Structures are given as C-alpha cells and as structure tokens.
Amino acid sequence: MAGEADKEKGAGEKPKAEKQTNCPSCNKLIKKLKRYYRNGKLYCSKKCWRAFVVKSKEEAGKENK
C-alpha cells in the first residue's frame, strides 16, 4: 500500500532541473567561490563569459548570411 501512495505522489511532480557544473565556454568545473553568473548561466570567470558572448555573436552572424 505504501508503494502505491509513493507512485501517485511522484506522478504529479515535475522532474528536477540538473545543476550546472561546467562552464559552457571552456568546460571547466565551476567552483563555488569563483563563479560568474550572467543571463541564467554560470561561467568560471568574466573572461569566459565574454568569450562565449563573442562566439555566439559570430555564430549568429554566420546564420544570417
């Protein structure tokens, strides 16, 4: 009986979002003490954030051509 109640509770819950652990720019591990948060993402430094922005602008420019 207890197993059925657990299944019913779990059916209505949303899956939890995965925690971001690596920098999207350089794929380094993000440390708690040294992290840079911009636009909903975590980066390992401001330098990596700027590199990611530049890279995404270049890709967007290539798509428009």
Protein backbone atom coordinates (compact mmCIF):
# COMPACT_ATOMS: atom_id res chain seq x y z
CA MET A 1 0.00 0.00 0.00
CA ALA A 2 2.79 2.46 0.85
CA GLY A 3 4.43 1.84 -2.53
CA GLU A 4 1.26 2.75 -4.40
CA ALA A 5 0.92 6.03 -2.49
CA ASP A 6 4.52 6.97 -3.36
CA LYS A 7 3.88 6.32 -7.05
CA GLU A 8 0.81 8.54 -7.05
CA LYS A 9 2.70 11.39 -5.39
CA GLY A 10 5.59 11.11 -7.84
CA ALA A 11 3.36 11.20 -10.90
CA GLY A 12 2.34 14.83 -10.35
CA GLU A 13 5.81 16.20 -9.63
CA LYS A 14 7.95 17.85 -12.28
CA PRO A 15 11.43 16.46 -12.92
CA LYS A 16 14.14 18.49 -11.21
CA ALA A 17 16.42 20.58 -13.41
CA GLU A 18 20.02 19.44 -13.43
CA LYS A 19 22.54 21.62 -11.66
CA GLN A 20 25.10 23.26 -13.95
CA THR A 21 28.59 22.07 -13.03
CA ASN A 22 30.77 23.04 -16.01
CA CYS A 23 31.47 26.33 -17.75
CA PRO A 24 29.70 26.48 -21.18
CA SER A 25 32.69 28.27 -22.71
CA CYS A 26 35.72 26.27 -21.57
CA ASN A 27 34.04 23.23 -19.93
CA LYS A 28 35.98 23.70 -16.67
CA LEU A 29 34.48 22.73 -13.34
CA ILE A 30 32.73 25.71 -11.72
CA LYS A 31 33.92 26.31 -8.17
CA LYS A 32 31.52 27.77 -5.62
CA LEU A 33 33.93 30.52 -4.57
CA LYS A 34 34.87 31.53 -8.10
CA ARG A 35 31.86 31.76 -10.37
CA TYR A 36 30.39 34.38 -12.69
CA TYR A 37 26.60 34.44 -13.24
CA ARG A 38 25.12 36.08 -16.32
CA ASN A 39 21.85 35.57 -18.21
CA GLY A 40 20.82 32.45 -16.31
CA LYS A 41 24.11 30.60 -16.73
CA LEU A 42 27.22 30.16 -14.61
CA TYR A 43 30.71 30.74 -16.01
CA CYS A 44 34.10 30.18 -14.38
CA SER A 45 35.23 33.79 -14.98
CA LYS A 46 34.33 37.03 -16.70
CA LYS A 47 36.82 36.21 -19.44
CA CYS A 48 34.94 33.01 -20.29
CA TRP A 49 31.64 34.88 -20.31
CA ARG A 50 33.00 37.45 -22.80
CA ALA A 51 34.43 34.66 -24.98
CA PHE A 52 31.05 32.90 -25.00
CA VAL A 53 29.26 36.15 -25.98
CA VAL A 54 31.71 36.82 -28.82
CA LYS A 55 31.44 33.22 -30.04
CA SER A 56 27.63 33.30 -30.03
CA LYS A 57 27.58 36.62 -31.95
CA GLU A 58 29.88 35.15 -34.61
CA GLU A 59 27.63 32.10 -34.98
CA ALA A 60 24.54 34.31 -35.25
CA GLY A 61 26.27 36.37 -37.95
CA LYS A 62 27.06 33.23 -39.96
CA GLU A 63 23.42 32.11 -39.77
CA ASN A 64 22.13 35.40 -41.16
CA LYS A 65 24.38 35.24 -44.23
